[in-house]
């Protein structure tokens, strides 16, 4: 009976000591040495707790093998901007991570060369550093983790159209055009495509052919053909006439090819 009461007395004093002096119930260190929350110090909490849960074992990153563009949120994006490329891959990786504690991710950085990782075949494991704010302890901790990235290759719409020779629109420029004016005309179309490229829009020119009284431009994008036609009209004058032709019906969708005719006004 004395031993039982003595054991209870010891347990009682241990509990009082933990409550009053804020000692970690796992390692026994006091709050004067470590941060403690609900009887557990920060070190023991981090050692015993699984901080992250991965929704999928691998994340997927799709690249065009011809131009190198990539898919982000279901749309093709330029891969020539390393900042955008890193940002998109970061967002894809973060979307696959769930924080398994009362906290939030406040920092993220790659531990290696992202461009080299994406473009070179081989190891698909990428290391990253993640900073997490622990709300209960009021501190930010950093953890090195890794995730697997499956690099998938698929032709983007522009490269597919270019390789297959498909186009959405023909811009026909007609008139009594001198060689000097023809050079200006090419330059104007080139600048229009360059502006489209910088803004991330479709920019491919599938083909161009000079004819006796002008030139034909074959665009992968109808909208870019319209923009180029309007820009040429500003510089050279004339009128734009548009016709369209049903090419085929695919999956219930009508595939139409447009022809824009810009007849330059002669002075």
C-alpha atoms as a PDB file:
ATOM      1  CA  UNK A   1       0.000   0.000   0.000  1.00  0.00           C
ATOM      2  CA  UNK A   2       2.824   2.384   0.820  1.00  0.00           C
ATOM      3  CA  UNK A   3       4.582   1.521  -2.410  1.00  0.00           C
ATOM      4  CA  UNK A   4       1.410   2.203  -4.396  1.00  0.00           C
ATOM      5  CA  UNK A   5       0.870   5.557  -2.690  1.00  0.00           C
ATOM      6  CA  UNK A   6       4.538   6.364  -3.177  1.00  0.00           C
ATOM      7  CA  UNK A   7       4.351   5.620  -6.893  1.00  0.00           C
ATOM      8  CA  UNK A   8       1.262   7.812  -7.271  1.00  0.00           C
ATOM      9  CA  UNK A   9       3.048  10.516  -5.308  1.00  0.00           C
ATOM     10  CA  UNK A  10       6.029  10.363  -7.698  1.00  0.00           C
ATOM     11  CA  UNK A  11       3.758  10.502 -10.765  1.00  0.00           C
ATOM     12  CA  UNK A  12       1.889  13.418  -9.206  1.00  0.00           C
ATOM     13  CA  UNK A  13       5.086  15.396  -8.602  1.00  0.00           C
ATOM     14  CA  UNK A  14       6.331  14.635 -12.136  1.00  0.00           C
ATOM     15  CA  UNK A  15       3.092  15.984 -13.597  1.00  0.00           C
ATOM     16  CA  UNK A  16       3.253  19.064 -11.389  1.00  0.00           C
ATOM     17  CA  UNK A  17       6.860  19.577 -12.454  1.00  0.00           C
ATOM     18  CA  UNK A  18       5.915  19.318 -16.134  1.00  0.00           C
ATOM     19  CA  UNK A  19       2.973  21.700 -15.765  1.00  0.00           C
ATOM     20  CA  UNK A  20       4.696  24.296 -13.592  1.00  0.00           C
ATOM     21  CA  UNK A  21       8.168  24.224 -15.129  1.00  0.00           C
ATOM     22  CA  UNK A  22       7.014  23.386 -18.703  1.00  0.00           C
ATOM     23  CA  UNK A  23       9.174  20.361 -19.345  1.00  0.00           C
ATOM     24  CA  UNK A  24       8.942  18.190 -22.422  1.00  0.00           C
ATOM     25  CA  UNK A  25       7.230  14.894 -21.577  1.00  0.00           C
ATOM     26  CA  UNK A  26       9.413  13.095 -24.141  1.00  0.00           C
ATOM     27  CA  UNK A  27      12.977  14.343 -23.511  1.00  0.00           C
ATOM     28  CA  UNK A  28      12.489  16.148 -20.184  1.00  0.00           C
ATOM     29  CA  UNK A  29      14.110  19.424 -21.197  1.00  0.00           C
ATOM     30  CA  UNK A  30      12.635  22.587 -19.746  1.00  0.00           C
ATOM     31  CA  UNK A  31      11.208  25.681 -21.403  1.00  0.00           C
ATOM     32  CA  UNK A  32      14.340  27.623 -20.503  1.00  0.00           C
ATOM     33  CA  UNK A  33      16.211  25.571 -23.137  1.00  0.00           C
ATOM     34  CA  UNK A  34      13.632  24.737 -25.797  1.00  0.00           C
ATOM     35  CA  UNK A  35      10.236  25.857 -27.089  1.00  0.00           C
ATOM     36  CA  UNK A  36       7.408  23.802 -25.626  1.00  0.00           C
ATOM     37  CA  UNK A  37       3.777  23.491 -26.711  1.00  0.00           C
ATOM     38  CA  UNK A  38       1.319  21.245 -24.881  1.00  0.00           C
ATOM     39  CA  UNK A  39       4.131  19.449 -23.085  1.00  0.00           C
ATOM     40  CA  UNK A  40       6.198  18.642 -26.195  1.00  0.00           C
ATOM     41  CA  UNK A  41       9.340  20.530 -27.175  1.00  0.00           C
ATOM     42  CA  UNK A  42       9.944  21.686 -30.723  1.00  0.00           C
ATOM     43  CA  UNK A  43      12.768  19.207 -31.370  1.00  0.00           C
ATOM     44  CA  UNK A  44      10.727  16.221 -30.256  1.00  0.00           C
ATOM     45  CA  UNK A  45       7.702  17.457 -32.179  1.00  0.00           C
ATOM     46  CA  UNK A  46       9.699  17.698 -35.401  1.00  0.00           C
ATOM     47  CA  UNK A  47      11.275  14.295 -34.797  1.00  0.00           C
ATOM     48  CA  UNK A  48       7.985  12.547 -34.117  1.00  0.00           C
ATOM     49  CA  UNK A  49       5.730  14.342 -36.619  1.00  0.00           C
ATOM     50  CA  UNK A  50       5.263  13.725 -40.329  1.00  0.00           C
ATOM     51  CA  UNK A  51       5.113  17.294 -41.619  1.00  0.00           C
ATOM     52  CA  UNK A  52       4.106  16.652 -45.241  1.00  0.00           C
ATOM     53  CA  UNK A  53       1.757  14.384 -47.108  1.00  0.00           C
ATOM     54  CA  UNK A  54       2.222  13.921 -50.869  1.00  0.00           C
ATOM     55  CA  UNK A  55      -1.036  13.586 -52.795  1.00  0.00           C
ATOM     56  CA  UNK A  56       0.721  11.578 -55.511  1.00  0.00           C
ATOM     57  CA  UNK A  57       4.070   9.809 -55.480  1.00  0.00           C
ATOM     58  CA  UNK A  58       5.097  11.508 -58.739  1.00  0.00           C
ATOM     59  CA  UNK A  59       4.164  14.843 -60.271  1.00  0.00           C
ATOM     60  CA  UNK A  60       3.923  15.240 -64.039  1.00  0.00           C
ATOM     61  CA  UNK A  61       5.542  17.902 -66.203  1.00  0.00           C
ATOM     62  CA  UNK A  62       4.812  17.946 -69.951  1.00  0.00           C
ATOM     63  CA  UNK A  63       7.281  19.345 -72.501  1.00  0.00           C
ATOM     64  CA  UNK A  64       7.164  19.753 -76.260  1.00  0.00           C
ATOM     65  CA  UNK A  65      10.201  17.877 -77.652  1.00  0.00           C
ATOM     66  CA  UNK A  66      10.515  20.315 -80.588  1.00  0.00           C
ATOM     67  CA  UNK A  67      10.240  23.831 -79.133  1.00  0.00           C
ATOM     68  CA  UNK A  68      10.557  22.996 -75.419  1.00  0.00           C
ATOM     69  CA  UNK A  69       7.321  24.714 -74.350  1.00  0.00           C
ATOM     70  CA  UNK A  70       5.511  23.208 -71.355  1.00  0.00           C
ATOM     71  CA  UNK A  71       1.975  22.730 -70.080  1.00  0.00           C
ATOM     72  CA  UNK A  72       0.788  24.632 -67.004  1.00  0.00           C
ATOM     73  CA  UNK A  73      -2.817  24.469 -65.810  1.00  0.00           C
ATOM     74  CA  UNK A  74      -3.891  22.836 -69.049  1.00  0.00           C
ATOM     75  CA  UNK A  75      -2.297  25.434 -71.362  1.00  0.00           C
ATOM     76  CA  UNK A  76       0.948  25.558 -73.291  1.00  0.00           C
ATOM     77  CA  UNK A  77       3.447  28.082 -71.947  1.00  0.00           C
ATOM     78  CA  UNK A  78       6.841  29.355 -73.079  1.00  0.00           C
ATOM     79  CA  UNK A  79       9.863  27.579 -71.638  1.00  0.00           C
ATOM     80  CA  UNK A  80      12.432  30.132 -72.806  1.00  0.00           C
ATOM     81  CA  UNK A  81      11.911  32.190 -69.638  1.00  0.00           C
ATOM     82  CA  UNK A  82      13.767  30.367 -66.809  1.00  0.00           C
ATOM     83  CA  UNK A  83      11.946  32.374 -64.136  1.00  0.00           C
ATOM     84  CA  UNK A  84       8.545  31.324 -65.481  1.00  0.00           C
ATOM     85  CA  UNK A  85       9.714  27.733 -65.921  1.00  0.00           C
ATOM     86  CA  UNK A  86      10.898  27.478 -62.302  1.00  0.00           C
ATOM     87  CA  UNK A  87       7.752  29.209 -61.064  1.00  0.00           C
ATOM     88  CA  UNK A  88       5.469  26.796 -62.918  1.00  0.00           C
ATOM     89  CA  UNK A  89       7.345  23.687 -61.764  1.00  0.00           C
ATOM     90  CA  UNK A  90       7.334  25.060 -58.207  1.00  0.00           C
ATOM     91  CA  UNK A  91       3.553  25.572 -58.349  1.00  0.00           C
ATOM     92  CA  UNK A  92       3.041  22.025 -59.654  1.00  0.00           C
ATOM     93  CA  UNK A  93       5.175  20.547 -56.859  1.00  0.00           C
ATOM     94  CA  UNK A  94       3.507  22.666 -54.166  1.00  0.00           C
ATOM     95  CA  UNK A  95       0.057  21.610 -55.373  1.00  0.00           C
ATOM     96  CA  UNK A  96       1.104  18.022 -54.639  1.00  0.00           C
ATOM     97  CA  UNK A  97       2.116  18.768 -51.025  1.00  0.00           C
ATOM     98  CA  UNK A  98      -0.237  19.009 -48.054  1.00  0.00           C
ATOM     99  CA  UNK A  99       1.027  20.309 -44.714  1.00  0.00           C
ATOM    100  CA  UNK A 100       0.169  17.737 -42.047  1.00  0.00           C
ATOM    101  CA  UNK A 101       0.431  20.141 -39.092  1.00  0.00           C
ATOM    102  CA  UNK A 102      -0.980  23.429 -37.866  1.00  0.00           C
ATOM    103  CA  UNK A 103       1.196  25.500 -40.134  1.00  0.00           C
ATOM    104  CA  UNK A 104       1.765  26.786 -43.653  1.00  0.00           C
ATOM    105  CA  UNK A 105       4.496  26.804 -46.283  1.00  0.00           C
ATOM    106  CA  UNK A 106       6.136  30.240 -46.445  1.00  0.00           C
ATOM    107  CA  UNK A 107       9.257  29.490 -48.488  1.00  0.00           C
ATOM    108  CA  UNK A 108      10.402  27.190 -51.280  1.00  0.00           C
ATOM    109  CA  UNK A 109      13.626  26.849 -53.256  1.00  0.00           C
ATOM    110  CA  UNK A 110      15.168  24.318 -55.602  1.00  0.00           C
ATOM    111  CA  UNK A 111      18.476  22.814 -54.511  1.00  0.00           C
ATOM    112  CA  UNK A 112      19.821  22.403 -58.045  1.00  0.00           C
ATOM    113  CA  UNK A 113      19.664  23.679 -61.615  1.00  0.00           C
ATOM    114  CA  UNK A 114      16.015  23.364 -62.676  1.00  0.00           C
ATOM    115  CA  UNK A 115      16.686  23.867 -66.406  1.00  0.00           C
ATOM    116  CA  UNK A 116      19.323  21.141 -66.396  1.00  0.00           C
ATOM    117  CA  UNK A 117      17.030  18.842 -64.436  1.00  0.00           C
ATOM    118  CA  UNK A 118      14.185  19.267 -66.936  1.00  0.00           C
ATOM    119  CA  UNK A 119      16.162  19.096 -70.166  1.00  0.00           C
ATOM    120  CA  UNK A 120      18.605  16.298 -69.290  1.00  0.00           C
ATOM    121  CA  UNK A 121      17.351  12.709 -69.073  1.00  0.00           C
ATOM    122  CA  UNK A 122      18.258  10.607 -66.085  1.00  0.00           C
ATOM    123  CA  UNK A 123      17.447  11.009 -62.413  1.00  0.00           C
ATOM    124  CA  UNK A 124      13.887  12.237 -61.920  1.00  0.00           C
ATOM    125  CA  UNK A 125      14.270  13.023 -58.210  1.00  0.00           C
ATOM    126  CA  UNK A 126      14.500  16.730 -57.427  1.00  0.00           C
ATOM    127  CA  UNK A 127      15.546  18.165 -54.055  1.00  0.00           C
ATOM    128  CA  UNK A 128      13.894  21.258 -52.630  1.00  0.00           C
ATOM    129  CA  UNK A 129      14.043  23.271 -49.435  1.00  0.00           C
ATOM    130  CA  UNK A 130      10.704  24.127 -47.830  1.00  0.00           C
ATOM    131  CA  UNK A 131      10.165  26.660 -45.058  1.00  0.00           C
ATOM    132  CA  UNK A 132       7.140  26.043 -42.831  1.00  0.00           C
ATOM    133  CA  UNK A 133       5.681  28.386 -40.246  1.00  0.00           C
ATOM    134  CA  UNK A 134       4.556  26.419 -37.165  1.00  0.00           C
ATOM    135  CA  UNK A 135       1.660  28.383 -35.723  1.00  0.00           C
ATOM    136  CA  UNK A 136       1.704  26.538 -32.378  1.00  0.00           C
ATOM    137  CA  UNK A 137       5.393  27.231 -31.730  1.00  0.00           C
ATOM    138  CA  UNK A 138       5.532  30.602 -33.470  1.00  0.00           C
ATOM    139  CA  UNK A 139       8.670  29.775 -35.470  1.00  0.00           C
ATOM    140  CA  UNK A 140       9.671  29.040 -39.054  1.00  0.00           C
ATOM    141  CA  UNK A 141      11.585  25.824 -39.716  1.00  0.00           C
ATOM    142  CA  UNK A 142      13.194  24.605 -42.926  1.00  0.00           C
ATOM    143  CA  UNK A 143      13.083  21.055 -44.182  1.00  0.00           C
ATOM    144  CA  UNK A 144      14.855  19.485 -47.161  1.00  0.00           C
ATOM    145  CA  UNK A 145      12.575  17.138 -49.031  1.00  0.00           C
ATOM    146  CA  UNK A 146      12.550  15.496 -52.435  1.00  0.00           C
ATOM    147  CA  UNK A 147       9.877  14.618 -54.937  1.00  0.00           C
ATOM    148  CA  UNK A 148       9.780  12.659 -58.171  1.00  0.00           C
ATOM    149  CA  UNK A 149       8.914  14.429 -61.423  1.00  0.00           C
ATOM    150  CA  UNK A 150       7.842  12.516 -64.517  1.00  0.00           C
ATOM    151  CA  UNK A 151       8.931  14.478 -67.596  1.00  0.00           C
ATOM    152  CA  UNK A 152       6.447  13.677 -70.353  1.00  0.00           C
ATOM    153  CA  UNK A 153       6.938  14.670 -73.992  1.00  0.00           C
ATOM    154  CA  UNK A 154       4.103  15.740 -76.253  1.00  0.00           C
ATOM    155  CA  UNK A 155       4.000  17.885 -79.387  1.00  0.00           C
ATOM    156  CA  UNK A 156       2.421  21.271 -78.699  1.00  0.00           C
ATOM    157  CA  UNK A 157      -0.379  22.437 -80.995  1.00  0.00           C
ATOM    158  CA  UNK A 158       1.868  24.877 -82.841  1.00  0.00           C
ATOM    159  CA  UNK A 159       4.613  22.348 -83.583  1.00  0.00           C
ATOM    160  CA  UNK A 160       2.032  19.731 -84.532  1.00  0.00           C
ATOM    161  CA  UNK A 161       0.483  22.149 -87.019  1.00  0.00           C
ATOM    162  CA  UNK A 162       3.880  23.118 -88.373  1.00  0.00           C
ATOM    163  CA  UNK A 163       5.053  19.538 -88.845  1.00  0.00           C
ATOM    164  CA  UNK A 164       1.779  18.408 -90.415  1.00  0.00           C
ATOM    165  CA  UNK A 165       1.399  21.592 -92.476  1.00  0.00           C
ATOM    166  CA  UNK A 166      -1.966  22.452 -90.910  1.00  0.00           C
ATOM    167  CA  UNK A 167      -2.970  26.076 -90.648  1.00  0.00           C
ATOM    168  CA  UNK A 168      -6.008  28.041 -89.479  1.00  0.00           C
ATOM    169  CA  UNK A 169      -5.757  31.031 -91.766  1.00  0.00           C
ATOM    170  CA  UNK A 170      -4.182  32.377 -94.947  1.00  0.00           C
ATOM    171  CA  UNK A 171      -3.395  36.059 -95.189  1.00  0.00           C
ATOM    172  CA  UNK A 172      -3.244  37.055 -98.845  1.00  0.00           C
ATOM    173  CA  UNK A 173      -1.707  40.447 -99.596  1.00  0.00           C
ATOM    174  CA  UNK A 174      -2.335  41.688-103.110  1.00  0.00           C
ATOM    175  CA  UNK A 175      -1.441  44.807-105.038  1.00  0.00           C
ATOM    176  CA  UNK A 176       1.245  46.462-107.088  1.00  0.00           C
ATOM    177  CA  UNK A 177       3.944  45.890-104.458  1.00  0.00           C
ATOM    178  CA  UNK A 178       7.537  47.016-104.992  1.00  0.00           C
ATOM    179  CA  UNK A 179      10.484  45.092-103.544  1.00  0.00           C
ATOM    180  CA  UNK A 180      11.011  47.819-100.945  1.00  0.00           C
ATOM    181  CA  UNK A 181       7.371  47.589 -99.918  1.00  0.00           C
ATOM    182  CA  UNK A 182       7.624  43.796 -99.838  1.00  0.00           C
ATOM    183  CA  UNK A 183      10.530  44.032 -97.402  1.00  0.00           C
ATOM    184  CA  UNK A 184       8.516  46.414 -95.200  1.00  0.00           C
ATOM    185  CA  UNK A 185       5.608  44.001 -95.399  1.00  0.00           C
ATOM    186  CA  UNK A 186       7.744  41.074 -94.202  1.00  0.00           C
ATOM    187  CA  UNK A 187       9.136  43.217 -91.388  1.00  0.00           C
ATOM    188  CA  UNK A 188       5.647  44.214 -90.232  1.00  0.00           C
ATOM    189  CA  UNK A 189       4.478  40.599 -90.106  1.00  0.00           C
ATOM    190  CA  UNK A 190       7.674  39.607 -88.289  1.00  0.00           C
ATOM    191  CA  UNK A 191       7.140  42.282 -85.623  1.00  0.00           C
ATOM    192  CA  UNK A 192       3.520  41.209 -85.182  1.00  0.00           C
ATOM    193  CA  UNK A 193       4.644  37.626 -84.609  1.00  0.00           C
ATOM    194  CA  UNK A 194       7.365  38.789 -82.223  1.00  0.00           C
ATOM    195  CA  UNK A 195       4.800  40.708 -80.154  1.00  0.00           C
ATOM    196  CA  UNK A 196       2.599  37.593 -80.082  1.00  0.00           C
ATOM    197  CA  UNK A 197       5.533  35.481 -78.968  1.00  0.00           C
ATOM    198  CA  UNK A 198       6.427  37.817 -76.098  1.00  0.00           C
ATOM    199  CA  UNK A 199       2.837  37.852 -74.865  1.00  0.00           C
ATOM    200  CA  UNK A 200       2.619  34.051 -74.963  1.00  0.00           C
ATOM    201  CA  UNK A 201       0.084  33.797 -77.804  1.00  0.00           C
ATOM    202  CA  UNK A 202       0.224  31.474 -80.816  1.00  0.00           C
ATOM    203  CA  UNK A 203       2.936  32.790 -83.060  1.00  0.00           C
ATOM    204  CA  UNK A 204       3.841  30.210 -85.670  1.00  0.00           C
ATOM    205  CA  UNK A 205       4.000  31.070 -89.328  1.00  0.00           C
ATOM    206  CA  UNK A 206       3.562  27.744 -91.103  1.00  0.00           C
ATOM    207  CA  UNK A 207       4.635  28.958 -94.518  1.00  0.00           C
ATOM    208  CA  UNK A 208       4.867  31.976 -96.811  1.00  0.00           C
ATOM    209  CA  UNK A 209       4.780  32.089-100.611  1.00  0.00           C
ATOM    210  CA  UNK A 210       5.278  34.957-103.001  1.00  0.00           C
ATOM    211  CA  UNK A 211       2.947  35.128-105.998  1.00  0.00           C
ATOM    212  CA  UNK A 212       2.915  37.395-109.059  1.00  0.00           C
ATOM    213  CA  UNK A 213       0.984  40.230-107.411  1.00  0.00           C
ATOM    214  CA  UNK A 214       1.656  39.697-103.729  1.00  0.00           C
ATOM    215  CA  UNK A 215       2.369  37.147-101.022  1.00  0.00           C
ATOM    216  CA  UNK A 216       0.499  34.515 -98.985  1.00  0.00           C
ATOM    217  CA  UNK A 217       1.140  33.965 -95.271  1.00  0.00           C
ATOM    218  CA  UNK A 218      -0.032  30.705 -93.652  1.00  0.00           C
ATOM    219  CA  UNK A 219      -0.750  31.150 -89.926  1.00  0.00           C
ATOM    220  CA  UNK A 220      -1.220  28.474 -87.279  1.00  0.00           C
ATOM    221  CA  UNK A 221      -3.573  30.888 -85.501  1.00  0.00           C
ATOM    222  CA  UNK A 222      -6.520  32.714 -87.043  1.00  0.00           C
ATOM    223  CA  UNK A 223      -6.305  35.465 -84.429  1.00  0.00           C
ATOM    224  CA  UNK A 224      -2.671  36.175 -85.308  1.00  0.00           C
ATOM    225  CA  UNK A 225      -3.573  36.381 -88.983  1.00  0.00           C
ATOM    226  CA  UNK A 226      -6.233  38.980 -88.153  1.00  0.00           C
ATOM    227  CA  UNK A 227      -3.789  41.026 -86.048  1.00  0.00           C
ATOM    228  CA  UNK A 228      -1.170  40.968 -88.796  1.00  0.00           C
ATOM    229  CA  UNK A 229      -3.750  41.963 -91.443  1.00  0.00           C
ATOM    230  CA  UNK A 230      -4.902  44.953 -89.383  1.00  0.00           C
ATOM    231  CA  UNK A 231      -1.311  46.072 -88.820  1.00  0.00           C
ATOM    232  CA  UNK A 232      -0.574  45.865 -92.540  1.00  0.00           C
ATOM    233  CA  UNK A 233      -3.721  47.820 -93.323  1.00  0.00           C
ATOM    234  CA  UNK A 234      -2.547  50.631 -91.011  1.00  0.00           C
ATOM    235  CA  UNK A 235       0.722  50.919 -92.893  1.00  0.00           C
ATOM    236  CA  UNK A 236      -0.289  50.225 -96.468  1.00  0.00           C
ATOM    237  CA  UNK A 237      -4.004  51.055 -96.541  1.00  0.00           C
ATOM    238  CA  UNK A 238      -6.515  48.972 -98.466  1.00  0.00           C
ATOM    239  CA  UNK A 239      -9.447  46.792 -97.523  1.00  0.00           C
ATOM    240  CA  UNK A 240      -9.698  43.415 -95.811  1.00  0.00           C
ATOM    241  CA  UNK A 241     -12.137  40.788 -97.031  1.00  0.00           C
ATOM    242  CA  UNK A 242     -12.609  37.503 -95.194  1.00  0.00           C
ATOM    243  CA  UNK A 243     -13.972  34.169 -96.349  1.00  0.00           C
ATOM    244  CA  UNK A 244     -14.110  30.854 -94.567  1.00  0.00           C
ATOM    245  CA  UNK A 245     -14.333  27.234 -95.622  1.00  0.00           C
ATOM    246  CA  UNK A 246     -15.434  24.171 -93.681  1.00  0.00           C
ATOM    247  CA  UNK A 247     -12.528  21.701 -93.760  1.00  0.00           C
ATOM    248  CA  UNK A 248     -13.932  18.856 -91.656  1.00  0.00           C
ATOM    249  CA  UNK A 249     -15.981  17.941 -88.616  1.00  0.00           C
ATOM    250  CA  UNK A 250     -13.960  16.347 -85.824  1.00  0.00           C
ATOM    251  CA  UNK A 251     -15.611  15.076 -82.655  1.00  0.00           C
ATOM    252  CA  UNK A 252     -18.704  17.136 -83.423  1.00  0.00           C
ATOM    253  CA  UNK A 253     -16.556  20.285 -83.815  1.00  0.00           C
ATOM    254  CA  UNK A 254     -16.504  22.147 -87.115  1.00  0.00           C
ATOM    255  CA  UNK A 255     -12.958  22.813 -88.317  1.00  0.00           C
ATOM    256  CA  UNK A 256     -12.900  26.004 -90.399  1.00  0.00           C
ATOM    257  CA  UNK A 257     -10.111  27.513 -92.466  1.00  0.00           C
ATOM    258  CA  UNK A 258     -10.106  31.300 -92.942  1.00  0.00           C
ATOM    259  CA  UNK A 259      -8.784  33.338 -95.834  1.00  0.00           C
ATOM    260  CA  UNK A 260      -8.064  37.038 -95.287  1.00  0.00           C
ATOM    261  CA  UNK A 261      -7.514  39.096 -98.418  1.00  0.00           C
ATOM    262  CA  UNK A 262      -5.828  42.465 -97.996  1.00  0.00           C
ATOM    263  CA  UNK A 263      -5.877  44.383-101.265  1.00  0.00           C
ATOM    264  CA  UNK A 264      -3.460  47.290-100.905  1.00  0.00           C
ATOM    265  CA  UNK A 265      -4.688  50.635-102.176  1.00  0.00           C
ATOM    266  CA  UNK A 266      -2.589  51.949-105.008  1.00  0.00           C
ATOM    267  CA  UNK A 267      -1.630  55.644-104.839  1.00  0.00           C
END
